[in-house]
Amino acid sequence: MIENNLIFWIVQAFILLLGIAVGHSFILLKIRKEENKKRELELALLKKRAEILKQGKKVADDLEEVLYKAKIQQEIDDIIRKDENH
């Protein structure tokens, strides 16, 4: 009778340890999956940031060109007005 109880409790202990091991593995798997998603999002963010910086530089260059052309046009208009007044 005591031997049967001892075997029963040993089997129960092994089942408990197996459950803990499986649960621990499952939790680690979920954590790694979330970390991988986080890394993927960070990489996507870095790509988008690089694209946005390129677009921002292009917009700044275009704006600088437009301002330069506007200043030249203003100087031309000023010269034409001076010639008309004389």
C-alpha atoms as a PDB file:
ATOM      1  CA  MET A   1       0.000   0.000   0.000  1.00  0.00           C
ATOM      2  CA  ILE A   2       2.787   2.421   0.923  1.00  0.00           C
ATOM      3  CA  GLU A   3       4.693   1.462  -2.222  1.00  0.00           C
ATOM      4  CA  ASN A   4       1.617   2.230  -4.357  1.00  0.00           C
ATOM      5  CA  ASN A   5       1.202   5.638  -2.699  1.00  0.00           C
ATOM      6  CA  LEU A   6       4.889   6.400  -3.154  1.00  0.00           C
ATOM      7  CA  ILE A   7       4.751   5.494  -6.856  1.00  0.00           C
ATOM      8  CA  PHE A   8       1.554   7.559  -7.231  1.00  0.00           C
ATOM      9  CA  TRP A   9       3.190  10.653  -5.689  1.00  0.00           C
ATOM     10  CA  ILE A  10       6.363  10.212  -7.739  1.00  0.00           C
ATOM     11  CA  VAL A  11       4.266  10.001 -10.927  1.00  0.00           C
ATOM     12  CA  GLN A  12       2.310  13.095  -9.817  1.00  0.00           C
ATOM     13  CA  ALA A  13       5.575  14.967  -9.207  1.00  0.00           C
ATOM     14  CA  PHE A  14       6.851  14.041 -12.680  1.00  0.00           C
ATOM     15  CA  ILE A  15       3.562  15.143 -14.245  1.00  0.00           C
ATOM     16  CA  LEU A  16       3.804  18.457 -12.367  1.00  0.00           C
ATOM     17  CA  LEU A  17       7.396  18.977 -13.520  1.00  0.00           C
ATOM     18  CA  LEU A  18       6.430  18.101 -17.098  1.00  0.00           C
ATOM     19  CA  GLY A  19       3.587  20.622 -16.975  1.00  0.00           C
ATOM     20  CA  ILE A  20       5.913  23.303 -15.629  1.00  0.00           C
ATOM     21  CA  ALA A  21       8.503  22.544 -18.350  1.00  0.00           C
ATOM     22  CA  VAL A  22       5.914  22.631 -21.141  1.00  0.00           C
ATOM     23  CA  GLY A  23       4.378  25.836 -19.789  1.00  0.00           C
ATOM     24  CA  HIS A  24       7.803  27.458 -19.503  1.00  0.00           C
ATOM     25  CA  SER A  25       8.659  26.485 -23.095  1.00  0.00           C
ATOM     26  CA  PHE A  26       5.324  27.835 -24.329  1.00  0.00           C
ATOM     27  CA  ILE A  27       5.856  31.156 -22.562  1.00  0.00           C
ATOM     28  CA  LEU A  28       9.404  31.451 -23.962  1.00  0.00           C
ATOM     29  CA  LEU A  29       8.071  30.717 -27.442  1.00  0.00           C
ATOM     30  CA  LYS A  30       5.486  33.496 -27.136  1.00  0.00           C
ATOM     31  CA  ILE A  31       8.101  35.930 -25.816  1.00  0.00           C
ATOM     32  CA  ARG A  32      10.459  35.175 -28.724  1.00  0.00           C
ATOM     33  CA  LYS A  33       7.604  35.587 -31.189  1.00  0.00           C
ATOM     34  CA  GLU A  34       6.794  39.018 -29.740  1.00  0.00           C
ATOM     35  CA  GLU A  35      10.480  39.998 -29.795  1.00  0.00           C
ATOM     36  CA  ASN A  36      10.695  38.994 -33.459  1.00  0.00           C
ATOM     37  CA  LYS A  37       7.630  41.115 -34.247  1.00  0.00           C
ATOM     38  CA  LYS A  38       9.221  44.021 -32.401  1.00  0.00           C
ATOM     39  CA  ARG A  39      12.451  43.645 -34.409  1.00  0.00           C
ATOM     40  CA  GLU A  40      10.497  43.501 -37.672  1.00  0.00           C
ATOM     41  CA  LEU A  41       8.621  46.665 -36.742  1.00  0.00           C
ATOM     42  CA  GLU A  42      11.863  48.419 -35.809  1.00  0.00           C
ATOM     43  CA  LEU A  43      13.408  47.463 -39.156  1.00  0.00           C
ATOM     44  CA  ALA A  44      10.313  48.670 -41.018  1.00  0.00           C
ATOM     45  CA  LEU A  45      10.450  51.921 -39.052  1.00  0.00           C
ATOM     46  CA  LEU A  46      14.107  52.429 -39.962  1.00  0.00           C
ATOM     47  CA  LYS A  47      13.305  51.853 -43.644  1.00  0.00           C
ATOM     48  CA  LYS A  48      10.422  54.312 -43.545  1.00  0.00           C
ATOM     49  CA  ARG A  49      12.542  56.845 -41.679  1.00  0.00           C
ATOM     50  CA  ALA A  50      15.237  56.613 -44.367  1.00  0.00           C
ATOM     51  CA  GLU A  51      12.635  57.067 -47.114  1.00  0.00           C
ATOM     52  CA  ILE A  52      11.090  60.040 -45.325  1.00  0.00           C
ATOM     53  CA  LEU A  53      14.500  61.658 -44.852  1.00  0.00           C
ATOM     54  CA  LYS A  54      15.210  61.247 -48.577  1.00  0.00           C
ATOM     55  CA  GLN A  55      11.835  62.757 -49.450  1.00  0.00           C
ATOM     56  CA  GLY A  56      12.373  65.601 -46.975  1.00  0.00           C
ATOM     57  CA  LYS A  57      15.751  66.385 -48.520  1.00  0.00           C
ATOM     58  CA  LYS A  58      14.199  66.379 -51.994  1.00  0.00           C
ATOM     59  CA  VAL A  59      11.425  68.722 -50.843  1.00  0.00           C
ATOM     60  CA  ALA A  60      13.984  71.032 -49.222  1.00  0.00           C
ATOM     61  CA  ASP A  61      16.051  71.083 -52.420  1.00  0.00           C
ATOM     62  CA  ASP A  62      12.947  71.794 -54.516  1.00  0.00           C
ATOM     63  CA  LEU A  63      11.897  74.572 -52.152  1.00  0.00           C
ATOM     64  CA  GLU A  64      15.361  76.100 -52.264  1.00  0.00           C
ATOM     65  CA  GLU A  65      15.262  76.030 -56.071  1.00  0.00           C
ATOM     66  CA  VAL A  66      11.826  77.679 -56.153  1.00  0.00           C
ATOM     67  CA  LEU A  67      12.961  80.401 -53.748  1.00  0.00           C
ATOM     68  CA  TYR A  68      16.060  81.018 -55.869  1.00  0.00           C
ATOM     69  CA  LYS A  69      13.955  81.320 -59.042  1.00  0.00           C
ATOM     70  CA  ALA A  70      11.514  83.640 -57.267  1.00  0.00           C
ATOM     71  CA  LYS A  71      14.363  85.882 -56.115  1.00  0.00           C
ATOM     72  CA  ILE A  72      15.788  86.011 -59.660  1.00  0.00           C
ATOM     73  CA  GLN A  73      12.342  86.858 -61.036  1.00  0.00           C
ATOM     74  CA  GLN A  74      11.963  89.606 -58.429  1.00  0.00           C
ATOM     75  CA  GLU A  75      15.329  91.094 -59.376  1.00  0.00           C
ATOM     76  CA  ILE A  76      14.349  90.983 -63.057  1.00  0.00           C
ATOM     77  CA  ASP A  77      11.049  92.706 -62.242  1.00  0.00           C
ATOM     78  CA  ASP A  78      12.901  95.378 -60.222  1.00  0.00           C
ATOM     79  CA  ILE A  79      15.271  96.042 -63.134  1.00  0.00           C
ATOM     80  CA  ILE A  80      12.345  96.292 -65.578  1.00  0.00           C
ATOM     81  CA  ARG A  81      10.538  98.770 -63.272  1.00  0.00           C
ATOM     82  CA  LYS A  82      13.668 100.923 -62.971  1.00  0.00           C
ATOM     83  CA  ASP A  83      14.036 100.993 -66.750  1.00  0.00           C
ATOM     84  CA  GLU A  84      10.355 101.954 -67.158  1.00  0.00           C
ATOM     85  CA  ASN A  85      10.688 104.828 -64.667  1.00  0.00           C
ATOM     86  CA  HIS A  86      13.661 106.378 -66.489  1.00  0.00           C
END
